[in-house]
Protein backbone atom coordinates (compact mmCIF):
# COMPACT_ATOMS: atom_id res chain seq x y z
CA GLN A 1 154.14 129.78 110.05
CA VAL A 2 150.77 127.57 112.01
CA GLN A 3 151.19 124.57 112.62
CA LEU A 4 147.29 122.46 113.58
CA VAL A 5 147.39 120.05 115.26
CA GLU A 6 143.98 117.32 115.77
CA SER A 7 143.81 115.18 118.48
CA GLY A 8 140.34 113.53 120.71
CA GLY A 9 139.26 111.20 117.75
CA GLY A 10 138.36 107.46 118.44
CA LEU A 11 136.11 104.70 118.04
CA VAL A 12 132.88 105.30 119.51
CA GLN A 13 129.09 103.49 118.55
CA ALA A 14 126.17 105.86 117.32
CA GLY A 15 124.81 108.25 120.01
CA GLY A 16 127.78 108.99 121.84
CA SER A 17 130.02 111.74 122.13
CA LEU A 18 133.72 113.28 121.18
CA ARG A 19 135.34 115.66 121.60
CA LEU A 20 138.31 116.76 119.54
CA SER A 21 141.01 118.89 120.59
CA CYS A 22 143.15 121.75 117.73
CA ALA A 23 145.96 123.37 118.68
CA VAL A 24 147.63 126.03 116.45
CA SER A 25 151.35 126.70 117.34
CA GLY A 26 152.91 129.29 115.21
CA SER A 27 151.05 132.15 115.76
CA SER A 28 148.47 133.76 117.45
CA ILE A 29 145.05 132.78 116.71
CA THR A 30 143.09 135.65 117.48
CA ILE A 31 142.72 136.44 114.48
CA TYR A 32 141.86 133.79 112.23
CA ARG A 33 138.51 131.97 111.47
CA MET A 34 138.14 129.39 112.81
CA GLY A 35 137.16 125.56 111.11
CA TRP A 36 136.40 122.40 111.15
CA TYR A 37 136.09 119.93 107.93
CA ARG A 38 135.90 115.95 107.84
CA GLN A 39 136.77 113.99 105.16
CA ALA A 40 135.43 110.71 104.45
CA PRO A 41 136.59 107.27 103.43
CA GLY A 42 136.18 107.65 99.00
CA LYS A 43 134.89 111.24 99.32
CA GLN A 44 136.47 114.63 98.92
CA ARG A 45 135.96 117.21 102.65
CA GLU A 46 134.30 119.05 103.67
CA TRP A 47 133.73 122.20 105.32
CA VAL A 48 131.68 121.06 109.27
CA ALA A 49 132.02 123.59 111.07
CA GLY A 50 133.79 126.90 111.52
CA ILE A 51 134.28 130.29 114.26
CA THR A 52 134.66 133.36 113.82
CA SER A 53 137.22 135.75 115.38
CA GLY A 54 134.64 137.01 117.22
CA GLY A 55 132.55 133.62 118.04
CA MET A 56 130.23 133.96 115.29
CA THR A 57 129.65 129.83 114.66
CA ASN A 58 127.47 128.17 111.92
CA TYR A 59 127.43 124.72 110.67
CA ALA A 60 126.94 122.05 108.31
CA ASP A 61 122.81 121.36 108.14
CA SER A 62 124.40 117.55 108.80
CA VAL A 63 125.74 118.29 112.55
CA LYS A 64 123.31 120.86 113.40
CA GLY A 65 122.18 120.96 116.51
CA ARG A 66 124.70 118.22 117.64
CA PHE A 67 128.23 120.02 117.41
CA THR A 68 129.10 122.47 119.28
CA ILE A 69 132.51 124.21 117.25
CA SER A 70 133.93 127.09 119.71
CA ARG A 71 138.03 129.17 121.00
CA ASP A 72 139.91 128.93 124.39
CA ASN A 73 142.28 131.96 122.28
CA ALA A 74 144.30 131.65 126.19
CA LYS A 75 145.21 128.45 124.66
CA ASN A 76 145.10 129.22 121.21
CA THR A 77 142.69 125.78 120.82
CA VAL A 78 139.56 124.75 118.45
CA TYR A 79 137.55 122.27 119.99
CA LEU A 80 135.15 120.08 118.36
CA GLN A 81 132.51 118.97 120.57
CA MET A 82 130.29 116.05 118.96
CA ASN A 83 127.13 114.81 120.56
CA SER A 84 124.22 111.58 119.27
CA LEU A 85 126.95 111.08 116.56
CA LYS A 86 126.14 108.62 113.28
CA PRO A 87 127.48 105.90 111.82
CA GLU A 88 128.34 108.69 108.36
CA ASP A 89 130.01 111.10 111.18
CA THR A 90 132.80 108.14 110.60
CA ALA A 91 135.32 110.54 108.61
CA VAL A 92 138.78 111.86 109.25
CA TYR A 93 138.66 115.23 110.76
CA TYR A 94 140.93 118.17 110.42
CA CYS A 95 140.61 121.77 111.60
CA SER A 96 141.80 124.84 109.69
CA ALA A 97 143.33 128.47 110.40
CA GLU A 98 141.26 131.25 107.72
CA PHE A 99 142.60 135.03 107.74
CA GLY A 100 142.89 137.07 105.29
CA GLY A 101 141.56 134.70 102.13
CA ARG A 102 144.49 132.35 102.90
CA TYR A 103 144.42 129.16 104.15
CA SER A 104 147.44 127.56 107.22
CA PRO A 105 148.19 124.49 106.29
CA TRP A 106 146.77 120.71 106.92
CA GLY A 107 146.94 119.27 109.92
CA GLN A 108 147.11 115.54 110.32
CA GLY A 109 143.50 115.08 111.31
CA THR A 110 141.88 112.52 113.52
CA GLN A 111 139.97 110.14 113.03
CA VAL A 112 136.72 109.38 114.49
CA ILE A 113 134.72 106.11 113.48
CA VAL A 114 131.45 105.64 115.05
CA SER A 115 129.77 101.78 114.34
CA SER A 116 126.38 101.30 114.83
């Protein structure tokens, strides 16, 4: 079974940067569509960014131009580079692994707090 472990969150000032990592075990990520989601306090989980097995990326409008998703298949890891962070980016960030319409169980997430 695929397991996802997110890391790299923390406290950062507005305008700063963070790089999140998602280490995947239990299966090679080569065939998976990978993504990042986030959930702010009192809000529903929302999609942030995705990357296909072929490396095509797409982003939510709220993060386009500031966040970059990438994958290292050799390391079985997915990254989210977050630049120009805003207080509204504060949330718990989760990665996802999808294949054939089925999603792997969520990991524990990593907390990002952006202070103004």
